[in-house]
PDB file of all heavy atoms in Angstrom:
ATOM      1  N   ASN A   1      -6.163  12.282   3.386  1.00  0.00           N
ATOM      2  CA  ASN A   1      -6.344  10.945   2.802  1.00  0.00           C
ATOM      3  C   ASN A   1      -5.514  10.757   1.523  1.00  0.00           C
ATOM      4  O   ASN A   1      -4.866   9.719   1.361  1.00  0.00           O
ATOM      5  CB  ASN A   1      -7.835  10.721   2.468  1.00  0.00           C
ATOM      6  CG  ASN A   1      -8.703  10.563   3.714  1.00  0.00           C
ATOM      7  OD1 ASN A   1      -8.494   9.631   4.505  1.00  0.00           O
ATOM      8  ND2 ASN A   1      -9.652  11.465   3.898  1.00  0.00           N
ATOM      9  N   THR A   2      -5.522  11.766   0.663  1.00  0.00           N
ATOM     10  CA  THR A   2      -4.753  11.758  -0.548  1.00  0.00           C
ATOM     11  C   THR A   2      -3.262  11.598  -0.175  1.00  0.00           C
ATOM     12  O   THR A   2      -2.517  10.799  -0.831  1.00  0.00           O
ATOM     13  CB  THR A   2      -4.953  13.033  -1.373  1.00  0.00           C
ATOM     14  OG1 THR A   2      -6.352  13.146  -1.715  1.00  0.00           O
ATOM     15  CG2 THR A   2      -4.122  13.022  -2.617  1.00  0.00           C
ATOM     16  N   SER A   3      -2.843  12.356   0.818  1.00  0.00           N
ATOM     17  CA  SER A   3      -1.406  12.327   1.227  1.00  0.00           C
ATOM     18  C   SER A   3      -0.970  10.923   1.734  1.00  0.00           C
ATOM     19  O   SER A   3       0.113  10.472   1.399  1.00  0.00           O
ATOM     20  CB  SER A   3      -1.171  13.348   2.319  1.00  0.00           C
ATOM     21  OG  SER A   3      -1.389  14.627   1.900  1.00  0.00           O
ATOM     22  N   ALA A   4      -1.837  10.335   2.549  1.00  0.00           N
ATOM     23  CA  ALA A   4      -1.499   9.034   3.135  1.00  0.00           C
ATOM     24  C   ALA A   4      -1.436   7.963   2.043  1.00  0.00           C
ATOM     25  O   ALA A   4      -0.542   7.156   2.050  1.00  0.00           O
ATOM     26  CB  ALA A   4      -2.554   8.646   4.170  1.00  0.00           C
ATOM     27  N   TRP A   5      -2.352   8.014   1.048  1.00  0.00           N
ATOM     28  CA  TRP A   5      -2.343   7.102  -0.036  1.00  0.00           C
ATOM     29  C   TRP A   5      -1.064   7.263  -0.877  1.00  0.00           C
ATOM     30  O   TRP A   5      -0.436   6.269  -1.291  1.00  0.00           O
ATOM     31  CB  TRP A   5      -3.577   7.198  -0.875  1.00  0.00           C
ATOM     32  CG  TRP A   5      -3.703   6.232  -2.017  1.00  0.00           C
ATOM     33  CD1 TRP A   5      -3.803   6.528  -3.336  1.00  0.00           C
ATOM     34  CD2 TRP A   5      -3.725   4.800  -1.926  1.00  0.00           C
ATOM     35  NE1 TRP A   5      -3.912   5.379  -4.078  1.00  0.00           N
ATOM     36  CE2 TRP A   5      -3.859   4.287  -3.244  1.00  0.00           C
ATOM     37  CE3 TRP A   5      -3.659   3.892  -0.868  1.00  0.00           C
ATOM     38  CZ2 TRP A   5      -3.904   2.931  -3.528  1.00  0.00           C
ATOM     39  CZ3 TRP A   5      -3.742   2.563  -1.127  1.00  0.00           C
ATOM     40  CH2 TRP A   5      -3.868   2.074  -2.462  1.00  0.00           C
ATOM     41  N   LYS A   6      -0.636   8.502  -1.050  1.00  0.00           N
ATOM     42  CA  LYS A   6       0.602   8.737  -1.760  1.00  0.00           C
ATOM     43  C   LYS A   6       1.781   8.087  -1.043  1.00  0.00           C
ATOM     44  O   LYS A   6       2.697   7.575  -1.683  1.00  0.00           O
ATOM     45  CB  LYS A   6       0.828  10.281  -1.927  1.00  0.00           C
ATOM     46  CG  LYS A   6       2.095  10.611  -2.695  1.00  0.00           C
ATOM     47  CD  LYS A   6       2.282  12.103  -2.805  1.00  0.00           C
ATOM     48  CE  LYS A   6       3.573  12.448  -3.582  1.00  0.00           C
ATOM     49  NZ  LYS A   6       3.835  13.918  -3.566  1.00  0.00           N
ATOM     50  N   GLY A   7       1.755   8.156   0.275  1.00  0.00           N
ATOM     51  CA  GLY A   7       2.809   7.495   1.047  1.00  0.00           C
ATOM     52  C   GLY A   7       2.889   6.018   0.785  1.00  0.00           C
ATOM     53  O   GLY A   7       3.965   5.440   0.667  1.00  0.00           O
ATOM     54  N   LEU A   8       1.719   5.386   0.731  1.00  0.00           N
ATOM     55  CA  LEU A   8       1.674   3.934   0.433  1.00  0.00           C
ATOM     56  C   LEU A   8       2.196   3.682  -0.961  1.00  0.00           C
ATOM     57  O   LEU A   8       2.926   2.698  -1.218  1.00  0.00           O
ATOM     58  CB  LEU A   8       0.270   3.359   0.594  1.00  0.00           C
ATOM     59  CG  LEU A   8      -0.309   3.225   2.000  1.00  0.00           C
ATOM     60  CD1 LEU A   8      -1.650   2.564   1.976  1.00  0.00           C
ATOM     61  CD2 LEU A   8       0.638   2.444   2.898  1.00  0.00           C
ATOM     62  N   GLN A   9       1.812   4.521  -1.879  1.00  0.00           N
ATOM     63  CA  GLN A   9       2.249   4.326  -3.285  1.00  0.00           C
ATOM     64  C   GLN A   9       3.810   4.509  -3.386  1.00  0.00           C
ATOM     65  O   GLN A   9       4.469   3.780  -4.100  1.00  0.00           O
ATOM     66  CB  GLN A   9       1.565   5.355  -4.187  1.00  0.00           C
ATOM     67  CG  GLN A   9       0.116   5.081  -4.395  1.00  0.00           C
ATOM     68  CD  GLN A   9      -0.645   6.179  -5.121  1.00  0.00           C
ATOM     69  OE1 GLN A   9      -0.446   7.384  -4.853  1.00  0.00           O
ATOM     70  NE2 GLN A   9      -1.440   5.813  -6.084  1.00  0.00           N
ATOM     71  N   GLU A  10       4.348   5.464  -2.605  1.00  0.00           N
ATOM     72  CA  GLU A  10       5.793   5.668  -2.646  1.00  0.00           C
ATOM     73  C   GLU A  10       6.501   4.479  -2.006  1.00  0.00           C
ATOM     74  O   GLU A  10       7.603   4.094  -2.416  1.00  0.00           O
ATOM     75  CB  GLU A  10       6.106   6.974  -1.900  1.00  0.00           C
ATOM     76  CG  GLU A  10       5.652   8.245  -2.605  1.00  0.00           C
ATOM     77  CD  GLU A  10       6.308   8.455  -3.937  1.00  0.00           C
ATOM     78  OE1 GLU A  10       7.491   8.088  -4.092  1.00  0.00           O
ATOM     79  OE2 GLU A  10       5.663   9.006  -4.911  1.00  0.00           O
ATOM     80  N   ALA A  11       5.910   3.900  -0.952  1.00  0.00           N
ATOM     81  CA  ALA A  11       6.522   2.734  -0.340  1.00  0.00           C
ATOM     82  C   ALA A  11       6.582   1.607  -1.262  1.00  0.00           C
ATOM     83  O   ALA A  11       7.582   0.845  -1.336  1.00  0.00           O
ATOM     84  CB  ALA A  11       5.694   2.359   0.926  1.00  0.00           C
ATOM     85  N   LYS A  12       5.524   1.402  -2.052  1.00  0.00           N
ATOM     86  CA  LYS A  12       5.451   0.350  -3.058  1.00  0.00           C
ATOM     87  C   LYS A  12       6.519   0.559  -4.128  1.00  0.00           C
ATOM     88  O   LYS A  12       7.102  -0.409  -4.612  1.00  0.00           O
ATOM     89  CB  LYS A  12       4.048   0.318  -3.675  1.00  0.00           C
ATOM     90  CG  LYS A  12       3.819  -0.732  -4.758  1.00  0.00           C
ATOM     91  CD  LYS A  12       2.404  -0.573  -5.263  1.00  0.00           C
ATOM     92  CE  LYS A  12       2.202  -1.452  -6.522  1.00  0.00           C
ATOM     93  NZ  LYS A  12       2.342  -2.856  -6.173  1.00  0.00           N
ATOM     94  N   LYS A  13       6.710   1.833  -4.546  1.00  0.00           N
ATOM     95  CA  LYS A  13       7.752   2.115  -5.515  1.00  0.00           C
ATOM     96  C   LYS A  13       9.138   1.721  -5.026  1.00  0.00           C
ATOM     97  O   LYS A  13       9.970   1.224  -5.763  1.00  0.00           O
ATOM     98  CB  LYS A  13       7.789   3.586  -5.865  1.00  0.00           C
ATOM     99  CG  LYS A  13       6.645   4.025  -6.774  1.00  0.00           C
ATOM    100  CD  LYS A  13       6.742   5.518  -7.100  1.00  0.00           C
ATOM    101  CE  LYS A  13       5.540   6.020  -7.855  1.00  0.00           C
ATOM    102  NZ  LYS A  13       5.596   7.501  -8.028  1.00  0.00           N
ATOM    103  N   GLU A  14       9.346   1.920  -3.739  1.00  0.00           N
ATOM    104  CA  GLU A  14      10.673   1.623  -3.162  1.00  0.00           C
ATOM    105  C   GLU A  14      10.840   0.138  -2.936  1.00  0.00           C
ATOM    106  O   GLU A  14      11.969  -0.389  -3.098  1.00  0.00           O
ATOM    107  CB  GLU A  14      10.848   2.356  -1.832  1.00  0.00           C
ATOM    108  CG  GLU A  14      12.216   2.113  -1.217  1.00  0.00           C
ATOM    109  CD  GLU A  14      12.614   3.201  -0.224  1.00  0.00           C
ATOM    110  OE1 GLU A  14      12.360   4.428  -0.506  1.00  0.00           O
ATOM    111  OE2 GLU A  14      13.157   2.874   0.824  1.00  0.00           O
ATOM    112  N   ASN A  15       9.807  -0.567  -2.611  1.00  0.00           N
ATOM    113  CA  ASN A  15       9.881  -2.011  -2.363  1.00  0.00           C
ATOM    114  C   ASN A  15       8.721  -2.685  -3.086  1.00  0.00           C
ATOM    115  O   ASN A  15       7.537  -2.635  -2.596  1.00  0.00           O
ATOM    116  CB  ASN A  15       9.847  -2.289  -0.848  1.00  0.00           C
ATOM    117  CG  ASN A  15       9.872  -3.751  -0.537  1.00  0.00           C
ATOM    118  OD1 ASN A  15       9.810  -4.636  -1.402  1.00  0.00           O
ATOM    119  ND2 ASN A  15       9.975  -4.064   0.746  1.00  0.00           N
ATOM    120  N   ASP A  16       8.965  -3.310  -4.222  1.00  0.00           N
ATOM    121  CA  ASP A  16       7.884  -3.859  -5.007  1.00  0.00           C
ATOM    122  C   ASP A  16       7.321  -5.148  -4.439  1.00  0.00           C
ATOM    123  O   ASP A  16       6.442  -5.774  -5.023  1.00  0.00           O
ATOM    124  CB  ASP A  16       8.287  -4.019  -6.499  1.00  0.00           C
ATOM    125  CG  ASP A  16       9.366  -5.078  -6.691  1.00  0.00           C
ATOM    126  OD1 ASP A  16       9.808  -5.702  -5.732  1.00  0.00           O
ATOM    127  OD2 ASP A  16       9.724  -5.274  -7.860  1.00  0.00           O
ATOM    128  N   ASN A  17       7.820  -5.536  -3.255  1.00  0.00           N
ATOM    129  CA  ASN A  17       7.224  -6.638  -2.563  1.00  0.00           C
ATOM    130  C   ASN A  17       6.058  -6.208  -1.697  1.00  0.00           C
ATOM    131  O   ASN A  17       5.375  -7.048  -1.065  1.00  0.00           O
ATOM    132  CB  ASN A  17       8.267  -7.379  -1.710  1.00  0.00           C
ATOM    133  CG  ASN A  17       7.882  -8.830  -1.445  1.00  0.00           C
ATOM    134  OD1 ASN A  17       7.500  -9.548  -2.348  1.00  0.00           O
ATOM    135  ND2 ASN A  17       8.004  -9.254  -0.240  1.00  0.00           N
ATOM    136  N   ILE A  18       5.787  -4.915  -1.676  1.00  0.00           N
ATOM    137  CA  ILE A  18       4.686  -4.387  -0.877  1.00  0.00           C
ATOM    138  C   ILE A  18       3.455  -4.224  -1.814  1.00  0.00           C
ATOM    139  O   ILE A  18       3.502  -3.648  -2.856  1.00  0.00           O
ATOM    140  CB  ILE A  18       5.041  -2.956  -0.336  1.00  0.00           C
ATOM    141  CG1 ILE A  18       6.250  -3.066   0.634  1.00  0.00           C
ATOM    142  CG2 ILE A  18       3.850  -2.361   0.361  1.00  0.00           C
ATOM    143  CD1 ILE A  18       6.739  -1.721   1.105  1.00  0.00           C
ATOM    144  N   ASP A  19       2.351  -4.807  -1.363  1.00  0.00           N
ATOM    145  CA  ASP A  19       1.047  -4.679  -2.013  1.00  0.00           C
ATOM    146  C   ASP A  19       0.237  -3.607  -1.199  1.00  0.00           C
ATOM    147  O   ASP A  19       0.299  -3.656   0.054  1.00  0.00           O
ATOM    148  CB  ASP A  19       0.260  -5.994  -2.006  1.00  0.00           C
ATOM    149  CG  ASP A  19       0.660  -6.895  -3.130  1.00  0.00           C
ATOM    150  OD1 ASP A  19       1.421  -6.450  -3.995  1.00  0.00           O
ATOM    151  OD2 ASP A  19       0.262  -8.092  -3.117  1.00  0.00           O
ATOM    152  N   ILE A  20      -0.480  -2.783  -1.899  1.00  0.00           N
ATOM    153  CA  ILE A  20      -1.250  -1.801  -1.164  1.00  0.00           C
ATOM    154  C   ILE A  20      -2.713  -1.774  -1.663  1.00  0.00           C
ATOM    155  O   ILE A  20      -2.997  -2.088  -2.780  1.00  0.00           O
ATOM    156  CB  ILE A  20      -0.641  -0.344  -1.361  1.00  0.00           C
ATOM    157  CG1 ILE A  20      -0.632   0.102  -2.820  1.00  0.00           C
ATOM    158  CG2 ILE A  20       0.757  -0.268  -0.776  1.00  0.00           C
ATOM    159  CD1 ILE A  20      -0.147   1.518  -3.069  1.00  0.00           C
ATOM    160  N   LYS A  21      -3.571  -1.421  -0.742  1.00  0.00           N
ATOM    161  CA  LYS A  21      -5.026  -1.296  -1.098  1.00  0.00           C
ATOM    162  C   LYS A  21      -5.659  -0.343  -0.085  1.00  0.00           C
ATOM    163  O   LYS A  21      -5.112  -0.067   0.958  1.00  0.00           O
ATOM    164  CB  LYS A  21      -5.705  -2.640  -1.069  1.00  0.00           C
ATOM    165  CG  LYS A  21      -5.774  -3.311   0.317  1.00  0.00           C
ATOM    166  CD  LYS A  21      -6.615  -4.589   0.296  1.00  0.00           C
ATOM    167  CE  LYS A  21      -5.956  -5.725  -0.455  1.00  0.00           C
ATOM    168  NZ  LYS A  21      -6.708  -6.989  -0.273  1.00  0.00           N
ATOM    169  N   ASN A  22      -6.832   0.169  -0.501  1.00  0.00           N
ATOM    170  CA  ASN A  22      -7.537   1.088   0.427  1.00  0.00           C
ATOM    171  C   ASN A  22      -9.034   0.797   0.373  1.00  0.00           C
ATOM    172  O   ASN A  22      -9.517   0.232  -0.618  1.00  0.00           O
ATOM    173  CB  ASN A  22      -7.271   2.562   0.119  1.00  0.00           C
ATOM    174  CG  ASN A  22      -7.897   3.064  -1.181  1.00  0.00           C
ATOM    175  OD1 ASN A  22      -9.137   3.160  -1.269  1.00  0.00           O
ATOM    176  ND2 ASN A  22      -7.094   3.309  -2.168  1.00  0.00           N
ATOM    177  N   VAL A  23      -9.696   1.141   1.419  1.00  0.00           N
ATOM    178  CA  VAL A  23     -11.168   1.101   1.453  1.00  0.00           C
ATOM    179  C   VAL A  23     -11.621   2.468   1.951  1.00  0.00           C
ATOM    180  O   VAL A  23     -10.987   3.035   2.859  1.00  0.00           O
ATOM    181  CB  VAL A  23     -11.716  -0.053   2.267  1.00  0.00           C
ATOM    182  CG1 VAL A  23     -11.365   0.109   3.754  1.00  0.00           C
ATOM    183  CG2 VAL A  23     -13.242  -0.169   2.109  1.00  0.00           C
ATOM    184  N   GLN A  24     -12.667   2.999   1.371  1.00  0.00           N
ATOM    185  CA  GLN A  24     -13.103   4.351   1.706  1.00  0.00           C
ATOM    186  C   GLN A  24     -14.356   4.324   2.613  1.00  0.00           C
ATOM    187  O   GLN A  24     -15.302   3.674   2.316  1.00  0.00           O
ATOM    188  CB  GLN A  24     -13.410   5.126   0.419  1.00  0.00           C
ATOM    189  CG  GLN A  24     -12.191   5.193  -0.511  1.00  0.00           C
ATOM    190  CD  GLN A  24     -12.399   6.139  -1.682  1.00  0.00           C
ATOM    191  OE1 GLN A  24     -12.718   7.312  -1.493  1.00  0.00           O
ATOM    192  NE2 GLN A  24     -12.195   5.642  -2.911  1.00  0.00           N
ATOM    193  N   SER A  25     -14.225   5.067   3.688  1.00  0.00           N
ATOM    194  CA  SER A  25     -15.332   5.137   4.670  1.00  0.00           C
ATOM    195  C   SER A  25     -16.325   6.227   4.177  1.00  0.00           C
ATOM    196  O   SER A  25     -15.932   7.311   3.828  1.00  0.00           O
ATOM    197  CB  SER A  25     -14.810   5.514   6.057  1.00  0.00           C
ATOM    198  OG  SER A  25     -13.848   4.592   6.492  1.00  0.00           O
ATOM    199  N   LYS A  26     -17.599   5.875   4.252  1.00  0.00           N
ATOM    200  CA  LYS A  26     -18.642   6.807   3.849  1.00  0.00           C
ATOM    201  C   LYS A  26     -19.227   7.495   5.044  1.00  0.00           C
ATOM    202  O   LYS A  26     -19.842   8.549   4.970  1.00  0.00           O
ATOM    203  CB  LYS A  26     -19.764   6.078   3.070  1.00  0.00           C
ATOM    204  CG  LYS A  26     -19.309   5.548   1.711  1.00  0.00           C
ATOM    205  CD  LYS A  26     -19.011   6.690   0.775  1.00  0.00           C
ATOM    206  CE  LYS A  26     -18.819   6.193  -0.658  1.00  0.00           C
ATOM    207  NZ  LYS A  26     -18.496   7.298  -1.582  1.00  0.00           N
ATOM    208  N   ALA A  27     -19.075   6.897   6.214  1.00  0.00           N
ATOM    209  CA  ALA A  27     -19.603   7.456   7.447  1.00  0.00           C
ATOM    210  C   ALA A  27     -18.782   6.959   8.611  1.00  0.00           C
ATOM    211  O   ALA A  27     -18.024   5.942   8.476  1.00  0.00           O
ATOM    212  CB  ALA A  27     -21.090   7.036   7.651  1.00  0.00           C
TER     213      ALA A  27
END
């Protein structure tokens, strides 16, 4: 999960037109 979120953050760094968000599953 940490790795995938880092990928989204890196994509945003490369293209600042990208907005990112996450929601966390508890079950």
